[in-house]
Amino acid sequence: MEPVKKKDNKWFIKAIVNVLFGIPIGIANIIPGVSGGTFGVMLGIYDKLISSISNIRKDFKNSIKFLIPVVIGMGIGIVGFNWILGDVLLKHFPMQTITLFMGLVVGSIPLVFRHSGIKKATPGSIIPGVVTLVFMVALPFIMQGDGGSYDGFTLGVGNGVMIFLCGIIASVTMILPGISGSMMLMVMGYYFVITGALGSLTSGVFSGNLNLNDILVLGIFVVGVLVGLLGGAKVIDICLKRFRIPTYSAIIGLVVGSLYQIYLESGFTLDLNGLFAVLTFIAGALIALFFGSKWLEAKMEKFKKD
């Protein structure tokens, strides 16, 4: 009976770890310019996350076993930090908060490169990365939007279809490292509509005064997200399995290019605030370097095998 008990304990510990992994991915997905996919790569679960979503029908039990804790963590990150980030950190310390995430992205680059399997410079390992890097740098100039507003927003057929499409596009970009799903919502003019509905629904749950408009807006958006995740993850999974090096080259370009978008969002200035922003940037980079270190990776691999 002891081995069974030990196995059950291991599954529980792994589930808790995956919940903890899901939290920063969820937080990243609600910050414009920051990519949840990048944090998936940084935490070493990106390939498994994509594979689990892509093969959920073929390997339902194992996929759900992995996905549920991660999704719970993402939910905690999104709901729990929506107010903290929006009304506290991003409102009062926007530069320091965004540079912290910028540092996390920078510190994750060595891990992404190590996982890529790229050993030498070839056209397949360089060209995709250059293309996606240029695309990411050009994106803020090509597409611009103010994020919309939830004040006085009433759901109709037209904007309901748009919210569904926003869910599809945002979810596909959420799982692509480097591309921010929140940034795409901002560009499409629905970022504050979705976050506003989420904030309103959260307040309604605690006060016992639920608003049907909040529920419908978020419900349509979630359906769009699920459709986008299933389709987008399948394509990415095929690319990772058949064209790993070019795909990871493109991912590295997206990750590096995303730094420019995040920098634009930070509003960095050369003053005392800027000094603290530099310190949070360094802290973020050191945290990411630790979590992406070979030592911790070896420990995690040993933990997965036990």
C-alpha atoms as a PDB file:
ATOM      1  CA  MET A   1       0.000   0.000   0.000  1.00  0.00           C
ATOM      2  CA  GLU A   2       2.926   2.394   0.645  1.00  0.00           C
ATOM      3  CA  PRO A   3       4.003   2.737  -3.034  1.00  0.00           C
ATOM      4  CA  VAL A   4       0.427   3.698  -3.993  1.00  0.00           C
ATOM      5  CA  LYS A   5       0.324   6.308  -1.270  1.00  0.00           C
ATOM      6  CA  LYS A   6       3.652   7.728  -2.406  1.00  0.00           C
ATOM      7  CA  LYS A   7       2.428   7.901  -6.010  1.00  0.00           C
ATOM      8  CA  ASP A   8      -0.743   9.697  -4.911  1.00  0.00           C
ATOM      9  CA  ASN A   9       1.341  12.189  -2.951  1.00  0.00           C
ATOM     10  CA  LYS A  10       3.557  12.769  -5.994  1.00  0.00           C
ATOM     11  CA  TRP A  11       0.534  13.453  -8.185  1.00  0.00           C
ATOM     12  CA  PHE A  12      -0.800  15.929  -5.619  1.00  0.00           C
ATOM     13  CA  ILE A  13       2.551  17.736  -5.362  1.00  0.00           C
ATOM     14  CA  LYS A  14       2.845  17.920  -9.157  1.00  0.00           C
ATOM     15  CA  ALA A  15      -0.693  19.321  -9.343  1.00  0.00           C
ATOM     16  CA  ILE A  16       0.195  22.027  -6.793  1.00  0.00           C
ATOM     17  CA  VAL A  17       3.375  22.853  -8.739  1.00  0.00           C
ATOM     18  CA  ASN A  18       1.352  23.150 -11.967  1.00  0.00           C
ATOM     19  CA  VAL A  19      -1.151  25.452 -10.223  1.00  0.00           C
ATOM     20  CA  LEU A  20       1.779  27.642  -9.152  1.00  0.00           C
ATOM     21  CA  PHE A  21       3.124  27.570 -12.737  1.00  0.00           C
ATOM     22  CA  GLY A  22      -0.275  28.649 -14.051  1.00  0.00           C
ATOM     23  CA  ILE A  23      -0.470  31.753 -11.828  1.00  0.00           C
ATOM     24  CA  PRO A  24       2.295  33.816 -13.532  1.00  0.00           C
ATOM     25  CA  ILE A  25       1.000  32.706 -16.962  1.00  0.00           C
ATOM     26  CA  GLY A  26      -2.449  34.033 -16.008  1.00  0.00           C
ATOM     27  CA  ILE A  27      -1.002  37.283 -14.646  1.00  0.00           C
ATOM     28  CA  ALA A  28       1.067  37.790 -17.809  1.00  0.00           C
ATOM     29  CA  ASN A  29      -2.028  37.353 -19.983  1.00  0.00           C
ATOM     30  CA  ILE A  30      -3.751  40.408 -18.471  1.00  0.00           C
ATOM     31  CA  ILE A  31      -0.784  42.776 -18.900  1.00  0.00           C
ATOM     32  CA  PRO A  32      -0.670  44.430 -22.348  1.00  0.00           C
ATOM     33  CA  GLY A  33       2.671  43.740 -23.995  1.00  0.00           C
ATOM     34  CA  VAL A  34       3.496  40.709 -21.845  1.00  0.00           C
ATOM     35  CA  SER A  35       3.047  37.196 -23.243  1.00  0.00           C
ATOM     36  CA  GLY A  36       1.680  34.264 -21.254  1.00  0.00           C
ATOM     37  CA  GLY A  37       3.286  31.935 -23.785  1.00  0.00           C
ATOM     38  CA  THR A  38       6.704  33.384 -22.943  1.00  0.00           C
ATOM     39  CA  PHE A  39       6.192  32.495 -19.289  1.00  0.00           C
ATOM     40  CA  GLY A  40       5.124  28.997 -20.292  1.00  0.00           C
ATOM     41  CA  VAL A  41       8.464  28.621 -22.078  1.00  0.00           C
ATOM     42  CA  MET A  42      10.316  30.188 -19.148  1.00  0.00           C
ATOM     43  CA  LEU A  43       8.741  27.735 -16.708  1.00  0.00           C
ATOM     44  CA  GLY A  44       9.586  24.772 -18.956  1.00  0.00           C
ATOM     45  CA  ILE A  45       5.994  23.650 -19.539  1.00  0.00           C
ATOM     46  CA  TYR A  46       5.285  25.240 -22.936  1.00  0.00           C
ATOM     47  CA  ASP A  47       5.744  22.127 -25.087  1.00  0.00           C
ATOM     48  CA  LYS A  48       3.662  19.998 -22.713  1.00  0.00           C
ATOM     49  CA  LEU A  49       0.977  22.676 -22.475  1.00  0.00           C
ATOM     50  CA  ILE A  50       0.627  22.876 -26.258  1.00  0.00           C
ATOM     51  CA  SER A  51       0.748  19.089 -26.631  1.00  0.00           C
ATOM     52  CA  SER A  52      -1.894  18.561 -23.915  1.00  0.00           C
ATOM     53  CA  ILE A  53      -4.300  21.037 -25.533  1.00  0.00           C
ATOM     54  CA  SER A  54      -3.629  19.674 -29.019  1.00  0.00           C
ATOM     55  CA  ASN A  55      -4.056  16.005 -28.028  1.00  0.00           C
ATOM     56  CA  ILE A  56      -6.870  16.404 -25.518  1.00  0.00           C
ATOM     57  CA  ARG A  57      -9.095  14.003 -27.499  1.00  0.00           C
ATOM     58  CA  LYS A  58      -6.418  11.354 -28.069  1.00  0.00           C
ATOM     59  CA  ASP A  59      -5.029  11.377 -24.530  1.00  0.00           C
ATOM     60  CA  PHE A  60      -7.892  12.881 -22.550  1.00  0.00           C
ATOM     61  CA  LYS A  61      -6.962  11.545 -19.097  1.00  0.00           C
ATOM     62  CA  ASN A  62      -3.325  12.687 -19.059  1.00  0.00           C
ATOM     63  CA  SER A  63      -4.102  15.954 -20.829  1.00  0.00           C
ATOM     64  CA  ILE A  64      -6.807  16.888 -18.324  1.00  0.00           C
ATOM     65  CA  LYS A  65      -4.594  15.753 -15.431  1.00  0.00           C
ATOM     66  CA  PHE A  66      -2.005  18.309 -16.511  1.00  0.00           C
ATOM     67  CA  LEU A  67      -4.276  21.072 -17.837  1.00  0.00           C
ATOM     68  CA  ILE A  68      -6.738  21.405 -14.948  1.00  0.00           C
ATOM     69  CA  PRO A  69      -4.133  22.492 -12.337  1.00  0.00           C
ATOM     70  CA  VAL A  70      -2.511  24.878 -14.843  1.00  0.00           C
ATOM     71  CA  VAL A  71      -5.903  26.389 -15.785  1.00  0.00           C
ATOM     72  CA  ILE A  72      -6.809  26.743 -12.089  1.00  0.00           C
ATOM     73  CA  GLY A  73      -3.525  28.590 -11.560  1.00  0.00           C
ATOM     74  CA  MET A  74      -4.204  30.817 -14.570  1.00  0.00           C
ATOM     75  CA  GLY A  75      -7.676  31.557 -13.203  1.00  0.00           C
ATOM     76  CA  ILE A  76      -6.180  32.536  -9.839  1.00  0.00           C
ATOM     77  CA  GLY A  77      -3.658  34.745 -11.631  1.00  0.00           C
ATOM     78  CA  ILE A  78      -6.251  36.428 -13.851  1.00  0.00           C
ATOM     79  CA  VAL A  79      -9.038  36.916 -11.288  1.00  0.00           C
ATOM     80  CA  GLY A  80      -6.873  37.387  -8.205  1.00  0.00           C
ATOM     81  CA  PHE A  81      -4.480  39.861  -9.780  1.00  0.00           C
ATOM     82  CA  ASN A  82      -6.858  41.704 -12.120  1.00  0.00           C
ATOM     83  CA  TRP A  83      -7.714  44.188  -9.360  1.00  0.00           C
ATOM     84  CA  ILE A  84      -4.208  44.265  -7.825  1.00  0.00           C
ATOM     85  CA  LEU A  85      -2.560  44.919 -11.182  1.00  0.00           C
ATOM     86  CA  GLY A  86      -5.182  47.261 -12.601  1.00  0.00           C
ATOM     87  CA  ASP A  87      -6.050  49.365  -9.548  1.00  0.00           C
ATOM     88  CA  VAL A  88      -2.837  49.149  -7.523  1.00  0.00           C
ATOM     89  CA  LEU A  89       0.386  48.138  -9.303  1.00  0.00           C
ATOM     90  CA  LEU A  90      -0.283  49.356 -12.852  1.00  0.00           C
ATOM     91  CA  LYS A  91      -2.106  52.430 -11.543  1.00  0.00           C
ATOM     92  CA  HIS A  92       0.456  53.556  -8.963  1.00  0.00           C
ATOM     93  CA  PHE A  93       3.663  51.781 -10.087  1.00  0.00           C
ATOM     94  CA  PRO A  94       3.192  51.132 -13.830  1.00  0.00           C
ATOM     95  CA  MET A  95       6.827  51.588 -14.834  1.00  0.00           C
ATOM     96  CA  GLN A  96       8.241  49.354 -12.095  1.00  0.00           C
ATOM     97  CA  THR A  97       5.595  46.664 -12.628  1.00  0.00           C
ATOM     98  CA  ILE A  98       6.116  46.456 -16.384  1.00  0.00           C
ATOM     99  CA  THR A  99       9.923  46.548 -16.133  1.00  0.00           C
ATOM    100  CA  LEU A 100       9.721  43.672 -13.644  1.00  0.00           C
ATOM    101  CA  PHE A 101       7.973  41.602 -16.305  1.00  0.00           C
ATOM    102  CA  MET A 102      10.432  42.888 -18.890  1.00  0.00           C
ATOM    103  CA  GLY A 103      13.255  41.550 -16.706  1.00  0.00           C
ATOM    104  CA  LEU A 104      11.490  38.207 -16.434  1.00  0.00           C
ATOM    105  CA  VAL A 105      11.324  37.999 -20.233  1.00  0.00           C
ATOM    106  CA  VAL A 106      15.022  38.901 -20.638  1.00  0.00           C
ATOM    107  CA  GLY A 107      16.027  36.343 -18.029  1.00  0.00           C
ATOM    108  CA  SER A 108      14.001  33.657 -19.806  1.00  0.00           C
ATOM    109  CA  ILE A 109      15.842  33.984 -23.153  1.00  0.00           C
ATOM    110  CA  PRO A 110      18.743  31.597 -22.256  1.00  0.00           C
ATOM    111  CA  LEU A 111      16.194  28.923 -21.279  1.00  0.00           C
ATOM    112  CA  VAL A 112      14.229  29.355 -24.514  1.00  0.00           C
ATOM    113  CA  PHE A 113      17.433  29.086 -26.541  1.00  0.00           C
ATOM    114  CA  ARG A 114      18.537  25.993 -24.610  1.00  0.00           C
ATOM    115  CA  HIS A 115      15.212  24.275 -25.271  1.00  0.00           C
ATOM    116  CA  SER A 116      15.286  25.178 -28.956  1.00  0.00           C
ATOM    117  CA  GLY A 117      17.864  22.554 -29.911  1.00  0.00           C
ATOM    118  CA  ILE A 118      19.705  25.130 -32.047  1.00  0.00           C
ATOM    119  CA  LYS A 119      23.383  24.162 -32.172  1.00  0.00           C
ATOM    120  CA  LYS A 120      24.691  26.166 -35.123  1.00  0.00           C
ATOM    121  CA  ALA A 121      23.750  29.019 -37.428  1.00  0.00           C
ATOM    122  CA  THR A 122      21.768  27.831 -40.441  1.00  0.00           C
ATOM    123  CA  PRO A 123      19.124  29.520 -42.633  1.00  0.00           C
ATOM    124  CA  GLY A 124      16.446  27.541 -40.768  1.00  0.00           C
ATOM    125  CA  SER A 125      17.699  28.735 -37.393  1.00  0.00           C
ATOM    126  CA  ILE A 126      18.181  32.390 -38.360  1.00  0.00           C
ATOM    127  CA  ILE A 127      15.617  33.503 -40.977  1.00  0.00           C
ATOM    128  CA  PRO A 128      12.401  32.660 -39.003  1.00  0.00           C
ATOM    129  CA  GLY A 129      13.783  34.492 -35.952  1.00  0.00           C
ATOM    130  CA  VAL A 130      14.718  37.590 -37.952  1.00  0.00           C
ATOM    131  CA  VAL A 131      11.276  37.670 -39.616  1.00  0.00           C
ATOM    132  CA  THR A 132       9.359  37.413 -36.318  1.00  0.00           C
ATOM    133  CA  LEU A 133      11.696  39.912 -34.618  1.00  0.00           C
ATOM    134  CA  VAL A 134      11.057  42.503 -37.334  1.00  0.00           C
ATOM    135  CA  PHE A 135       7.323  41.757 -37.172  1.00  0.00           C
ATOM    136  CA  MET A 136       7.219  42.321 -33.392  1.00  0.00           C
ATOM    137  CA  VAL A 137       9.132  45.605 -33.611  1.00  0.00           C
ATOM    138  CA  ALA A 138       6.853  46.836 -36.429  1.00  0.00           C
ATOM    139  CA  LEU A 139       3.588  45.698 -34.776  1.00  0.00           C
ATOM    140  CA  PRO A 140       3.072  48.744 -32.488  1.00  0.00           C
ATOM    141  CA  PHE A 141       3.378  51.043 -35.533  1.00  0.00           C
ATOM    142  CA  ILE A 142       1.082  48.923 -37.731  1.00  0.00           C
ATOM    143  CA  MET A 143      -1.722  48.369 -35.224  1.00  0.00           C
ATOM    144  CA  GLN A 144      -2.838  50.871 -32.607  1.00  0.00           C
ATOM    145  CA  GLY A 145      -5.900  51.014 -30.357  1.00  0.00           C
ATOM    146  CA  ASP A 146      -7.114  52.573 -27.101  1.00  0.00           C
ATOM    147  CA  GLY A 147      -8.544  49.387 -25.554  1.00  0.00           C
ATOM    148  CA  GLY A 148     -12.171  50.526 -25.582  1.00  0.00           C
ATOM    149  CA  SER A 149     -14.295  51.074 -22.462  1.00  0.00           C
ATOM    150  CA  TYR A 150     -16.820  49.050 -20.440  1.00  0.00           C
ATOM    151  CA  ASP A 151     -18.651  52.121 -19.136  1.00  0.00           C
ATOM    152  CA  GLY A 152     -22.133  52.041 -20.642  1.00  0.00           C
ATOM    153  CA  PHE A 153     -21.278  48.982 -22.742  1.00  0.00           C
ATOM    154  CA  THR A 154     -24.368  47.004 -23.804  1.00  0.00           C
ATOM    155  CA  LEU A 155     -24.039  43.617 -25.481  1.00  0.00           C
ATOM    156  CA  GLY A 156     -25.583  43.282 -28.941  1.00  0.00           C
ATOM    157  CA  VAL A 157     -25.280  40.950 -31.924  1.00  0.00           C
ATOM    158  CA  GLY A 158     -22.538  42.971 -33.629  1.00  0.00           C
ATOM    159  CA  ASN A 159     -20.265  43.486 -30.631  1.00  0.00           C
ATOM    160  CA  GLY A 160     -21.083  39.953 -29.448  1.00  0.00           C
ATOM    161  CA  VAL A 161     -19.582  38.571 -32.669  1.00  0.00           C
ATOM    162  CA  MET A 162     -16.571  40.863 -32.179  1.00  0.00           C
ATOM    163  CA  ILE A 163     -16.072  39.609 -28.613  1.00  0.00           C
ATOM    164  CA  PHE A 164     -16.163  36.015 -29.907  1.00  0.00           C
ATOM    165  CA  LEU A 165     -13.558  36.856 -32.575  1.00  0.00           C
ATOM    166  CA  CYS A 166     -11.485  38.688 -29.947  1.00  0.00           C
ATOM    167  CA  GLY A 167     -11.523  35.510 -27.845  1.00  0.00           C
ATOM    168  CA  ILE A 168     -10.221  33.436 -30.779  1.00  0.00           C
ATOM    169  CA  ILE A 169      -7.492  35.912 -31.744  1.00  0.00           C
ATOM    170  CA  ALA A 170      -6.462  36.616 -28.143  1.00  0.00           C
ATOM    171  CA  SER A 171      -6.194  32.908 -27.265  1.00  0.00           C
ATOM    172  CA  VAL A 172      -4.055  32.114 -30.313  1.00  0.00           C
ATOM    173  CA  THR A 173      -1.731  35.017 -29.503  1.00  0.00           C
ATOM    174  CA  MET A 174      -1.724  34.088 -25.803  1.00  0.00           C
ATOM    175  CA  ILE A 175      -0.122  30.713 -26.551  1.00  0.00           C
ATOM    176  CA  LEU A 176       2.428  32.207 -28.961  1.00  0.00           C
ATOM    177  CA  PRO A 177       5.509  33.260 -26.952  1.00  0.00           C
ATOM    178  CA  GLY A 178       6.243  36.941 -27.392  1.00  0.00           C
ATOM    179  CA  ILE A 179       2.824  38.024 -28.661  1.00  0.00           C
ATOM    180  CA  SER A 180       0.571  39.488 -25.984  1.00  0.00           C
ATOM    181  CA  GLY A 181      -3.078  38.466 -26.081  1.00  0.00           C
ATOM    182  CA  SER A 182      -3.919  41.540 -23.991  1.00  0.00           C
ATOM    183  CA  MET A 183      -2.084  43.751 -26.468  1.00  0.00           C
ATOM    184  CA  MET A 184      -4.205  42.323 -29.290  1.00  0.00           C
ATOM    185  CA  LEU A 185      -7.369  43.058 -27.274  1.00  0.00           C
ATOM    186  CA  MET A 186      -6.075  46.607 -26.750  1.00  0.00           C
ATOM    187  CA  VAL A 187      -5.484  47.006 -30.484  1.00  0.00           C
ATOM    188  CA  MET A 188      -8.961  45.651 -31.286  1.00  0.00           C
ATOM    189  CA  GLY A 189     -10.553  48.035 -28.765  1.00  0.00           C
ATOM    190  CA  TYR A 190     -11.895  45.388 -26.364  1.00  0.00           C
ATOM    191  CA  TYR A 191      -9.228  45.127 -23.625  1.00  0.00           C
ATOM    192  CA  PHE A 192     -11.075  47.345 -21.120  1.00  0.00           C
ATOM    193  CA  VAL A 193     -14.409  45.800 -22.127  1.00  0.00           C
ATOM    194  CA  ILE A 194     -13.191  42.332 -21.106  1.00  0.00           C
ATOM    195  CA  THR A 195     -11.247  43.403 -17.987  1.00  0.00           C
ATOM    196  CA  GLY A 196     -14.124  45.692 -17.011  1.00  0.00           C
ATOM    197  CA  ALA A 197     -16.638  42.844 -17.303  1.00  0.00           C
ATOM    198  CA  LEU A 198     -14.292  40.591 -15.296  1.00  0.00           C
ATOM    199  CA  GLY A 199     -13.880  43.190 -12.556  1.00  0.00           C
ATOM    200  CA  SER A 200     -17.624  43.852 -12.456  1.00  0.00           C
ATOM    201  CA  LEU A 201     -18.455  40.137 -12.307  1.00  0.00           C
ATOM    202  CA  THR A 202     -15.902  39.546  -9.518  1.00  0.00           C
ATOM    203  CA  SER A 203     -17.413  42.398  -7.482  1.00  0.00           C
ATOM    204  CA  GLY A 204     -20.901  41.049  -8.191  1.00  0.00           C
ATOM    205  CA  VAL A 205     -19.984  37.580  -6.929  1.00  0.00           C
ATOM    206  CA  PHE A 206     -18.787  38.979  -3.587  1.00  0.00           C
ATOM    207  CA  SER A 207     -21.690  41.420  -3.232  1.00  0.00           C
ATOM    208  CA  GLY A 208     -24.331  38.948  -4.448  1.00  0.00           C
ATOM    209  CA  ASN A 209     -25.432  41.330  -7.212  1.00  0.00           C
ATOM    210  CA  LEU A 210     -24.648  39.602 -10.504  1.00  0.00           C
ATOM    211  CA  ASN A 211     -25.064  41.414 -13.808  1.00  0.00           C
ATOM    212  CA  LEU A 212     -26.316  39.395 -16.802  1.00  0.00           C
ATOM    213  CA  ASN A 213     -24.344  41.625 -19.188  1.00  0.00           C
ATOM    214  CA  ASP A 214     -21.073  40.697 -17.408  1.00  0.00           C
ATOM    215  CA  ILE A 215     -21.867  36.990 -17.604  1.00  0.00           C
ATOM    216  CA  LEU A 216     -22.788  37.090 -21.312  1.00  0.00           C
ATOM    217  CA  VAL A 217     -19.755  39.173 -22.320  1.00  0.00           C
ATOM    218  CA  LEU A 218     -17.315  36.889 -20.509  1.00  0.00           C
ATOM    219  CA  GLY A 219     -19.180  33.739 -21.575  1.00  0.00           C
ATOM    220  CA  ILE A 220     -18.934  34.638 -25.286  1.00  0.00           C
ATOM    221  CA  PHE A 221     -15.287  35.603 -24.853  1.00  0.00           C
ATOM    222  CA  VAL A 222     -14.446  32.292 -23.105  1.00  0.00           C
ATOM    223  CA  VAL A 223     -16.114  30.280 -25.895  1.00  0.00           C
ATOM    224  CA  GLY A 224     -13.977  32.167 -28.426  1.00  0.00           C
ATOM    225  CA  VAL A 225     -10.869  31.494 -26.325  1.00  0.00           C
ATOM    226  CA  LEU A 226     -11.592  27.750 -26.236  1.00  0.00           C
ATOM    227  CA  VAL A 227     -12.114  27.617 -30.016  1.00  0.00           C
ATOM    228  CA  GLY A 228      -8.856  29.504 -30.586  1.00  0.00           C
ATOM    229  CA  LEU A 229      -6.884  27.374 -28.132  1.00  0.00           C
ATOM    230  CA  LEU A 230      -7.903  24.060 -29.670  1.00  0.00           C
ATOM    231  CA  GLY A 231      -7.163  25.170 -33.236  1.00  0.00           C
ATOM    232  CA  GLY A 232      -4.042  27.219 -32.515  1.00  0.00           C
ATOM    233  CA  ALA A 233      -2.433  24.649 -30.229  1.00  0.00           C
ATOM    234  CA  LYS A 234      -2.810  21.935 -32.883  1.00  0.00           C
ATOM    235  CA  VAL A 235      -0.912  23.990 -35.470  1.00  0.00           C
ATOM    236  CA  ILE A 236       1.850  24.918 -32.998  1.00  0.00           C
ATOM    237  CA  ASP A 237       2.159  21.305 -31.811  1.00  0.00           C
ATOM    238  CA  ILE A 238       2.654  20.086 -35.399  1.00  0.00           C
ATOM    239  CA  CYS A 239       5.283  22.783 -35.996  1.00  0.00           C
ATOM    240  CA  LEU A 240       7.168  21.895 -32.809  1.00  0.00           C
ATOM    241  CA  LYS A 241       7.244  18.207 -33.709  1.00  0.00           C
ATOM    242  CA  ARG A 242       8.069  18.491 -37.427  1.00  0.00           C
ATOM    243  CA  PHE A 243       9.997  21.778 -37.636  1.00  0.00           C
ATOM    244  CA  ARG A 244      11.372  22.251 -34.131  1.00  0.00           C
ATOM    245  CA  ILE A 245      14.415  24.438 -34.904  1.00  0.00           C
ATOM    246  CA  PRO A 246      12.680  26.875 -37.323  1.00  0.00           C
ATOM    247  CA  THR A 247       9.690  27.047 -34.959  1.00  0.00           C
ATOM    248  CA  TYR A 248      11.860  27.812 -31.948  1.00  0.00           C
ATOM    249  CA  SER A 249      13.845  30.309 -34.016  1.00  0.00           C
ATOM    250  CA  ALA A 250      10.561  32.093 -34.719  1.00  0.00           C
ATOM    251  CA  ILE A 251       9.643  31.862 -31.020  1.00  0.00           C
ATOM    252  CA  ILE A 252      12.976  33.403 -29.984  1.00  0.00           C
ATOM    253  CA  GLY A 253      12.349  36.256 -32.436  1.00  0.00           C
ATOM    254  CA  LEU A 254       8.889  36.783 -30.941  1.00  0.00           C
ATOM    255  CA  VAL A 255      10.249  36.760 -27.377  1.00  0.00           C
ATOM    256  CA  VAL A 256      13.114  39.179 -28.114  1.00  0.00           C
ATOM    257  CA  GLY A 257      10.855  41.406 -30.223  1.00  0.00           C
ATOM    258  CA  SER A 258       8.243  41.546 -27.454  1.00  0.00           C
ATOM    259  CA  LEU A 259      10.751  43.450 -25.299  1.00  0.00           C
ATOM    260  CA  TYR A 260      10.286  46.494 -27.516  1.00  0.00           C
ATOM    261  CA  GLN A 261       6.504  46.398 -27.029  1.00  0.00           C
ATOM    262  CA  ILE A 262       6.875  45.988 -23.270  1.00  0.00           C
ATOM    263  CA  TYR A 263       9.384  48.878 -23.161  1.00  0.00           C
ATOM    264  CA  LEU A 264       6.920  51.141 -24.985  1.00  0.00           C
ATOM    265  CA  GLU A 265       4.246  50.240 -22.426  1.00  0.00           C
ATOM    266  CA  SER A 266       6.560  50.966 -19.477  1.00  0.00           C
ATOM    267  CA  GLY A 267       6.907  54.718 -20.136  1.00  0.00           C
ATOM    268  CA  PHE A 268      10.467  54.568 -18.825  1.00  0.00           C
ATOM    269  CA  THR A 269      12.002  57.871 -17.668  1.00  0.00           C
ATOM    270  CA  LEU A 270      15.446  58.848 -16.389  1.00  0.00           C
ATOM    271  CA  ASP A 271      14.540  59.835 -12.820  1.00  0.00           C
ATOM    272  CA  LEU A 272      14.036  58.246  -9.394  1.00  0.00           C
ATOM    273  CA  ASN A 273      11.105  56.209 -10.718  1.00  0.00           C
ATOM    274  CA  GLY A 274      13.348  55.041 -13.530  1.00  0.00           C
ATOM    275  CA  LEU A 275      15.991  53.947 -11.014  1.00  0.00           C
ATOM    276  CA  PHE A 276      13.477  51.783  -9.152  1.00  0.00           C
ATOM    277  CA  ALA A 277      12.292  50.458 -12.513  1.00  0.00           C
ATOM    278  CA  VAL A 278      15.858  49.383 -13.310  1.00  0.00           C
ATOM    279  CA  LEU A 279      16.030  47.603  -9.934  1.00  0.00           C
ATOM    280  CA  THR A 280      12.758  45.736 -10.588  1.00  0.00           C
ATOM    281  CA  PHE A 281      14.053  44.869 -14.066  1.00  0.00           C
ATOM    282  CA  ILE A 282      17.218  43.362 -12.536  1.00  0.00           C
ATOM    283  CA  ALA A 283      15.138  41.515  -9.929  1.00  0.00           C
ATOM    284  CA  GLY A 284      12.894  40.081 -12.652  1.00  0.00           C
ATOM    285  CA  ALA A 285      15.877  38.976 -14.740  1.00  0.00           C
ATOM    286  CA  LEU A 286      17.538  37.270 -11.746  1.00  0.00           C
ATOM    287  CA  ILE A 287      14.302  35.472 -10.845  1.00  0.00           C
ATOM    288  CA  ALA A 288      13.895  34.231 -14.425  1.00  0.00           C
ATOM    289  CA  LEU A 289      17.548  33.161 -14.635  1.00  0.00           C
ATOM    290  CA  PHE A 290      17.117  31.148 -11.422  1.00  0.00           C
ATOM    291  CA  PHE A 291      13.917  29.458 -12.599  1.00  0.00           C
ATOM    292  CA  GLY A 292      15.541  28.797 -15.985  1.00  0.00           C
ATOM    293  CA  SER A 293      18.843  27.532 -14.554  1.00  0.00           C
ATOM    294  CA  LYS A 294      20.191  24.108 -15.496  1.00  0.00           C
ATOM    295  CA  TRP A 295      20.367  23.256 -11.788  1.00  0.00           C
ATOM    296  CA  LEU A 296      16.643  23.856 -11.213  1.00  0.00           C
ATOM    297  CA  GLU A 297      15.777  22.223 -14.538  1.00  0.00           C
ATOM    298  CA  ALA A 298      17.677  19.087 -13.482  1.00  0.00           C
ATOM    299  CA  LYS A 299      15.833  19.101 -10.158  1.00  0.00           C
ATOM    300  CA  MET A 300      12.478  19.427 -11.941  1.00  0.00           C
ATOM    301  CA  GLU A 301      13.325  16.602 -14.370  1.00  0.00           C
ATOM    302  CA  LYS A 302      14.254  14.374 -11.441  1.00  0.00           C
ATOM    303  CA  PHE A 303      11.012  15.311  -9.725  1.00  0.00           C
ATOM    304  CA  LYS A 304       8.993  14.449 -12.865  1.00  0.00           C
ATOM    305  CA  LYS A 305      10.639  11.022 -13.158  1.00  0.00           C
ATOM    306  CA  ASP A 306      10.172  10.049  -9.496  1.00  0.00           C
END
